[in-house]
Amino acid sequence: MNGQLFVVHGGMVAVVDRPRVAAQFETAKDAFTYDELDELLTPYYGDRDPSQTFAATEVLALRRSTG
């Protein structure tokens, strides 16, 4: 596995660029609790531009070329 992401539908394959680390959160414990994650991630996503996700929304606009 090389981590490459392909979006395939119909007769089209799109290769998606690699994801990047946008933020990092750490805990002093062995693992996060659900409450701790909620406290960290809710403000992060609440203040984030909704268009900045890993949804690959531009893939929806792709059309199979007929050339």
PDB file of N, CA and C in Angstrom:
ATOM      1  N   MET A   1       0.849  -1.178   0.000  1.00  0.00           N
ATOM      2  CA  MET A   1       0.000   0.000   0.000  1.00  0.00           C
ATOM      3  C   MET A   1       0.890   1.236   0.000  1.00  0.00           C
ATOM      4  N   ASN A   2       0.571   2.159  -0.886  1.00  0.00           N
ATOM      5  CA  ASN A   2       1.368   3.381  -0.950  1.00  0.00           C
ATOM      6  C   ASN A   2       0.586   4.618  -0.502  1.00  0.00           C
ATOM      7  N   GLY A   3      -0.669   4.442  -0.136  1.00  0.00           N
ATOM      8  CA  GLY A   3      -1.460   5.555   0.337  1.00  0.00           C
ATOM      9  C   GLY A   3      -2.063   6.405  -0.761  1.00  0.00           C
ATOM     10  N   GLN A   4      -1.846   6.030  -2.018  1.00  0.00           N
ATOM     11  CA  GLN A   4      -2.402   6.801  -3.127  1.00  0.00           C
ATOM     12  C   GLN A   4      -3.911   6.650  -3.150  1.00  0.00           C
ATOM     13  N   LEU A   5      -4.626   7.756  -3.385  1.00  0.00           N
ATOM     14  CA  LEU A   5      -6.076   7.739  -3.400  1.00  0.00           C
ATOM     15  C   LEU A   5      -6.573   7.921  -4.824  1.00  0.00           C
ATOM     16  N   PHE A   6      -7.412   6.998  -5.274  1.00  0.00           N
ATOM     17  CA  PHE A   6      -8.035   7.054  -6.588  1.00  0.00           C
ATOM     18  C   PHE A   6      -9.538   7.196  -6.406  1.00  0.00           C
ATOM     19  N   VAL A   7     -10.149   8.071  -7.182  1.00  0.00           N
ATOM     20  CA  VAL A   7     -11.603   8.185  -7.226  1.00  0.00           C
ATOM     21  C   VAL A   7     -12.016   7.613  -8.567  1.00  0.00           C
ATOM     22  N   VAL A   8     -12.851   6.581  -8.535  1.00  0.00           N
ATOM     23  CA  VAL A   8     -13.236   5.882  -9.755  1.00  0.00           C
ATOM     24  C   VAL A   8     -14.747   5.871  -9.860  1.00  0.00           C
ATOM     25  N   HIS A   9     -15.275   6.327 -10.991  1.00  0.00           N
ATOM     26  CA  HIS A   9     -16.694   6.150 -11.269  1.00  0.00           C
ATOM     27  C   HIS A   9     -16.903   6.190 -12.769  1.00  0.00           C
ATOM     28  N   GLY A  10     -17.787   5.315 -13.246  1.00  0.00           N
ATOM     29  CA  GLY A  10     -17.997   5.196 -14.687  1.00  0.00           C
ATOM     30  C   GLY A  10     -16.694   4.870 -15.371  1.00  0.00           C
ATOM     31  N   GLY A  11     -16.399   5.607 -16.423  1.00  0.00           N
ATOM     32  CA  GLY A  11     -15.160   5.384 -17.161  1.00  0.00           C
ATOM     33  C   GLY A  11     -14.078   6.383 -16.807  1.00  0.00           C
ATOM     34  N   MET A  12     -14.084   6.919 -15.592  1.00  0.00           N
ATOM     35  CA  MET A  12     -13.141   7.951 -15.184  1.00  0.00           C
ATOM     36  C   MET A  12     -12.410   7.537 -13.923  1.00  0.00           C
ATOM     37  N   VAL A  13     -11.101   7.817 -13.890  1.00  0.00           N
ATOM     38  CA  VAL A  13     -10.279   7.628 -12.691  1.00  0.00           C
ATOM     39  C   VAL A  13      -9.581   8.951 -12.420  1.00  0.00           C
ATOM     40  N   ALA A  14      -9.678   9.451 -11.200  1.00  0.00           N
ATOM     41  CA  ALA A  14      -8.973  10.661 -10.802  1.00  0.00           C
ATOM     42  C   ALA A  14      -7.971  10.293  -9.716  1.00  0.00           C
ATOM     43  N   VAL A  15      -6.768  10.846  -9.800  1.00  0.00           N
ATOM     44  CA  VAL A  15      -5.744  10.635  -8.786  1.00  0.00           C
ATOM     45  C   VAL A  15      -5.751  11.869  -7.883  1.00  0.00           C
ATOM     46  N   VAL A  16      -5.942  11.662  -6.585  1.00  0.00           N
ATOM     47  CA  VAL A  16      -6.047  12.749  -5.619  1.00  0.00           C
ATOM     48  C   VAL A  16      -4.687  12.962  -4.964  1.00  0.00           C
ATOM     49  N   ASP A  17      -4.290  14.244  -4.813  1.00  0.00           N
ATOM     50  CA  ASP A  17      -3.039  14.554  -4.125  1.00  0.00           C
ATOM     51  C   ASP A  17      -3.077  14.038  -2.703  1.00  0.00           C
ATOM     52  N   ARG A  18      -1.895  13.853  -2.167  1.00  0.00           N
ATOM     53  CA  ARG A  18      -1.793  13.318  -0.805  1.00  0.00           C
ATOM     54  C   ARG A  18      -2.376  14.293   0.213  1.00  0.00           C
ATOM     55  N   PRO A  19      -2.986  13.771   1.251  1.00  0.00           N
ATOM     56  CA  PRO A  19      -3.441  14.639   2.341  1.00  0.00           C
ATOM     57  C   PRO A  19      -2.235  15.223   3.071  1.00  0.00           C
ATOM     58  N   ARG A  20      -2.443  16.307   3.767  1.00  0.00           N
ATOM     59  CA  ARG A  20      -1.391  16.920   4.571  1.00  0.00           C
ATOM     60  C   ARG A  20      -1.876  17.043   6.007  1.00  0.00           C
ATOM     61  N   VAL A  21      -0.956  17.137   6.927  1.00  0.00           N
ATOM     62  CA  VAL A  21      -1.321  17.323   8.329  1.00  0.00           C
ATOM     63  C   VAL A  21      -1.719  18.785   8.515  1.00  0.00           C
ATOM     64  N   ALA A  22      -2.947  19.021   8.917  1.00  0.00           N
ATOM     65  CA  ALA A  22      -3.446  20.379   9.112  1.00  0.00           C
ATOM     66  C   ALA A  22      -3.348  20.809  10.576  1.00  0.00           C
ATOM     67  N   ALA A  23      -3.396  19.859  11.488  1.00  0.00           N
ATOM     68  CA  ALA A  23      -3.315  20.165  12.918  1.00  0.00           C
ATOM     69  C   ALA A  23      -2.915  18.894  13.652  1.00  0.00           C
ATOM     70  N   GLN A  24      -2.373  19.075  14.832  1.00  0.00           N
ATOM     71  CA  GLN A  24      -2.008  17.931  15.667  1.00  0.00           C
ATOM     72  C   GLN A  24      -2.430  18.226  17.093  1.00  0.00           C
ATOM     73  N   PHE A  25      -3.013  17.236  17.728  1.00  0.00           N
ATOM     74  CA  PHE A  25      -3.459  17.363  19.113  1.00  0.00           C
ATOM     75  C   PHE A  25      -2.855  16.206  19.899  1.00  0.00           C
ATOM     76  N   GLU A  26      -2.422  16.471  21.117  1.00  0.00           N
ATOM     77  CA  GLU A  26      -1.803  15.434  21.932  1.00  0.00           C
ATOM     78  C   GLU A  26      -2.450  15.405  23.314  1.00  0.00           C
ATOM     79  N   THR A  27      -2.324  14.272  23.951  1.00  0.00           N
ATOM     80  CA  THR A  27      -2.804  14.101  25.317  1.00  0.00           C
ATOM     81  C   THR A  27      -1.652  13.638  26.193  1.00  0.00           C
ATOM     82  N   ALA A  28      -1.705  13.972  27.452  1.00  0.00           N
ATOM     83  CA  ALA A  28      -0.679  13.533  28.396  1.00  0.00           C
ATOM     84  C   ALA A  28      -0.933  12.104  28.861  1.00  0.00           C
ATOM     85  N   LYS A  29      -2.122  11.599  28.569  1.00  0.00           N
ATOM     86  CA  LYS A  29      -2.493  10.240  28.986  1.00  0.00           C
ATOM     87  C   LYS A  29      -2.101   9.236  27.907  1.00  0.00           C
ATOM     88  N   ASP A  30      -2.440   7.977  28.134  1.00  0.00           N
ATOM     89  CA  ASP A  30      -2.160   6.945  27.138  1.00  0.00           C
ATOM     90  C   ASP A  30      -3.059   7.067  25.916  1.00  0.00           C
ATOM     91  N   ALA A  31      -4.258   7.584  26.118  1.00  0.00           N
ATOM     92  CA  ALA A  31      -5.215   7.733  25.021  1.00  0.00           C
ATOM     93  C   ALA A  31      -6.173   8.870  25.350  1.00  0.00           C
ATOM     94  N   PHE A  32      -6.774   9.428  24.314  1.00  0.00           N
ATOM     95  CA  PHE A  32      -7.766  10.484  24.516  1.00  0.00           C
ATOM     96  C   PHE A  32      -9.060   9.903  25.078  1.00  0.00           C
ATOM     97  N   THR A  33      -9.749  10.696  25.880  1.00  0.00           N
ATOM     98  CA  THR A  33     -11.127  10.362  26.239  1.00  0.00           C
ATOM     99  C   THR A  33     -12.030  11.048  25.215  1.00  0.00           C
ATOM    100  N   TYR A  34     -13.267  10.608  25.110  1.00  0.00           N
ATOM    101  CA  TYR A  34     -14.208  11.246  24.189  1.00  0.00           C
ATOM    102  C   TYR A  34     -14.421  12.710  24.561  1.00  0.00           C
ATOM    103  N   ASP A  35     -14.522  13.000  25.844  1.00  0.00           N
ATOM    104  CA  ASP A  35     -14.721  14.381  26.294  1.00  0.00           C
ATOM    105  C   ASP A  35     -13.529  15.259  25.929  1.00  0.00           C
ATOM    106  N   GLU A  36     -12.331  14.723  26.085  1.00  0.00           N
ATOM    107  CA  GLU A  36     -11.132  15.483  25.755  1.00  0.00           C
ATOM    108  C   GLU A  36     -11.075  15.783  24.252  1.00  0.00           C
ATOM    109  N   LEU A  37     -11.387  14.797  23.438  1.00  0.00           N
ATOM    110  CA  LEU A  37     -11.431  15.021  21.993  1.00  0.00           C
ATOM    111  C   LEU A  37     -12.477  16.060  21.621  1.00  0.00           C
ATOM    112  N   ASP A  38     -13.626  15.981  22.257  1.00  0.00           N
ATOM    113  CA  ASP A  38     -14.688  16.947  21.996  1.00  0.00           C
ATOM    114  C   ASP A  38     -14.222  18.367  22.339  1.00  0.00           C
ATOM    115  N   GLU A  39     -13.551  18.524  23.456  1.00  0.00           N
ATOM    116  CA  GLU A  39     -13.059  19.834  23.874  1.00  0.00           C
ATOM    117  C   GLU A  39     -12.010  20.393  22.913  1.00  0.00           C
ATOM    118  N   LEU A  40     -11.203  19.525  22.331  1.00  0.00           N
ATOM    119  CA  LEU A  40     -10.160  19.963  21.404  1.00  0.00           C
ATOM    120  C   LEU A  40     -10.685  20.184  19.982  1.00  0.00           C
ATOM    121  N   LEU A  41     -11.478  19.241  19.503  1.00  0.00           N
ATOM    122  CA  LEU A  41     -11.853  19.263  18.085  1.00  0.00           C
ATOM    123  C   LEU A  41     -13.053  20.143  17.766  1.00  0.00           C
ATOM    124  N   THR A  42     -13.980  20.310  18.696  1.00  0.00           N
ATOM    125  CA  THR A  42     -15.149  21.150  18.416  1.00  0.00           C
ATOM    126  C   THR A  42     -14.740  22.582  18.075  1.00  0.00           C
ATOM    127  N   PRO A  43     -13.879  23.241  18.860  1.00  0.00           N
ATOM    128  CA  PRO A  43     -13.466  24.595  18.474  1.00  0.00           C
ATOM    129  C   PRO A  43     -12.663  24.612  17.167  1.00  0.00           C
ATOM    130  N   TYR A  44     -11.844  23.586  16.951  1.00  0.00           N
ATOM    131  CA  TYR A  44     -11.031  23.527  15.731  1.00  0.00           C
ATOM    132  C   TYR A  44     -11.935  23.517  14.497  1.00  0.00           C
ATOM    133  N   TYR A  45     -12.916  22.644  14.495  1.00  0.00           N
ATOM    134  CA  TYR A  45     -13.818  22.567  13.345  1.00  0.00           C
ATOM    135  C   TYR A  45     -14.840  23.695  13.336  1.00  0.00           C
ATOM    136  N   GLY A  46     -15.188  24.228  14.494  1.00  0.00           N
ATOM    137  CA  GLY A  46     -16.143  25.325  14.556  1.00  0.00           C
ATOM    138  C   GLY A  46     -15.614  26.593  13.910  1.00  0.00           C
ATOM    139  N   ASP A  47     -14.311  26.818  14.008  1.00  0.00           N
ATOM    140  CA  ASP A  47     -13.690  28.018  13.453  1.00  0.00           C
ATOM    141  C   ASP A  47     -13.100  27.799  12.061  1.00  0.00           C
ATOM    142  N   ARG A  48     -13.228  26.602  11.535  1.00  0.00           N
ATOM    143  CA  ARG A  48     -12.591  26.254  10.264  1.00  0.00           C
ATOM    144  C   ARG A  48     -13.510  26.563   9.090  1.00  0.00           C
ATOM    145  N   ASP A  49     -12.913  27.010   7.991  1.00  0.00           N
ATOM    146  CA  ASP A  49     -13.653  27.252   6.759  1.00  0.00           C
ATOM    147  C   ASP A  49     -14.272  25.927   6.302  1.00  0.00           C
ATOM    148  N   PRO A  50     -15.604  25.868   6.142  1.00  0.00           N
ATOM    149  CA  PRO A  50     -16.253  24.600   5.784  1.00  0.00           C
ATOM    150  C   PRO A  50     -15.796  24.024   4.448  1.00  0.00           C
ATOM    151  N   SER A  51     -15.225  24.858   3.580  1.00  0.00           N
ATOM    152  CA  SER A  51     -14.771  24.327   2.288  1.00  0.00           C
ATOM    153  C   SER A  51     -13.407  23.650   2.402  1.00  0.00           C
ATOM    154  N   GLN A  52     -12.754  23.771   3.554  1.00  0.00           N
ATOM    155  CA  GLN A  52     -11.435  23.176   3.751  1.00  0.00           C
ATOM    156  C   GLN A  52     -11.557  21.803   4.408  1.00  0.00           C
ATOM    157  N   THR A  53     -11.994  20.842   3.621  1.00  0.00           N
ATOM    158  CA  THR A  53     -12.137  19.476   4.108  1.00  0.00           C
ATOM    159  C   THR A  53     -11.445  18.530   3.150  1.00  0.00           C
ATOM    160  N   PHE A  54     -11.402  17.284   3.481  1.00  0.00           N
ATOM    161  CA  PHE A  54     -10.830  16.287   2.584  1.00  0.00           C
ATOM    162  C   PHE A  54     -11.951  15.580   1.828  1.00  0.00           C
ATOM    163  N   ALA A  55     -12.897  16.363   1.343  1.00  0.00           N
ATOM    164  CA  ALA A  55     -14.029  15.800   0.624  1.00  0.00           C
ATOM    165  C   ALA A  55     -13.762  15.670  -0.868  1.00  0.00           C
ATOM    166  N   ALA A  56     -12.663  16.270  -1.348  1.00  0.00           N
ATOM    167  CA  ALA A  56     -12.324  16.246  -2.769  1.00  0.00           C
ATOM    168  C   ALA A  56     -13.506  16.695  -3.620  1.00  0.00           C
ATOM    169  N   THR A  57     -14.128  17.799  -3.225  1.00  0.00           N
ATOM    170  CA  THR A  57     -15.328  18.260  -3.913  1.00  0.00           C
ATOM    171  C   THR A  57     -15.082  18.584  -5.379  1.00  0.00           C
ATOM    172  N   GLU A  58     -13.837  18.949  -5.727  1.00  0.00           N
ATOM    173  CA  GLU A  58     -13.570  19.222  -7.141  1.00  0.00           C
ATOM    174  C   GLU A  58     -13.724  17.983  -8.018  1.00  0.00           C
ATOM    175  N   VAL A  59     -13.644  16.802  -7.415  1.00  0.00           N
ATOM    176  CA  VAL A  59     -13.823  15.567  -8.184  1.00  0.00           C
ATOM    177  C   VAL A  59     -15.248  15.495  -8.737  1.00  0.00           C
ATOM    178  N   LEU A  60     -16.212  16.082  -8.022  1.00  0.00           N
ATOM    179  CA  LEU A  60     -17.593  16.057  -8.497  1.00  0.00           C
ATOM    180  C   LEU A  60     -17.751  16.760  -9.834  1.00  0.00           C
ATOM    181  N   ALA A  61     -16.870  17.702 -10.126  1.00  0.00           N
ATOM    182  CA  ALA A  61     -16.964  18.457 -11.382  1.00  0.00           C
ATOM    183  C   ALA A  61     -16.287  17.758 -12.547  1.00  0.00           C
ATOM    184  N   LEU A  62     -15.573  16.672 -12.301  1.00  0.00           N
ATOM    185  CA  LEU A  62     -14.875  15.974 -13.382  1.00  0.00           C
ATOM    186  C   LEU A  62     -15.859  15.295 -14.322  1.00  0.00           C
ATOM    187  N   ARG A  63     -15.537  15.353 -15.581  1.00  0.00           N
ATOM    188  CA  ARG A  63     -16.318  14.653 -16.596  1.00  0.00           C
ATOM    189  C   ARG A  63     -15.369  13.818 -17.438  1.00  0.00           C
ATOM    190  N   ARG A  64     -15.825  12.735 -17.904  1.00  0.00           N
ATOM    191  CA  ARG A  64     -15.016  11.884 -18.778  1.00  0.00           C
ATOM    192  C   ARG A  64     -14.800  12.616 -20.087  1.00  0.00           C
ATOM    193  N   SER A  65     -13.532  12.748 -20.471  1.00  0.00           N
ATOM    194  CA  SER A  65     -13.265  13.419 -21.737  1.00  0.00           C
ATOM    195  C   SER A  65     -13.685  12.521 -22.890  1.00  0.00           C
ATOM    196  N   THR A  66     -14.175  13.141 -23.940  1.00  0.00           N
ATOM    197  CA  THR A  66     -14.679  12.369 -25.081  1.00  0.00           C
ATOM    198  C   THR A  66     -13.763  12.516 -26.281  1.00  0.00           C
ATOM    199  N   GLY A  67     -12.482  12.890 -26.037  1.00  0.00           N
ATOM    200  CA  GLY A  67     -11.528  13.131 -27.111  1.00  0.00           C
ATOM    201  C   GLY A  67     -10.990  11.894 -27.656  1.00  0.00           C
TER     202      GLY A  67
END
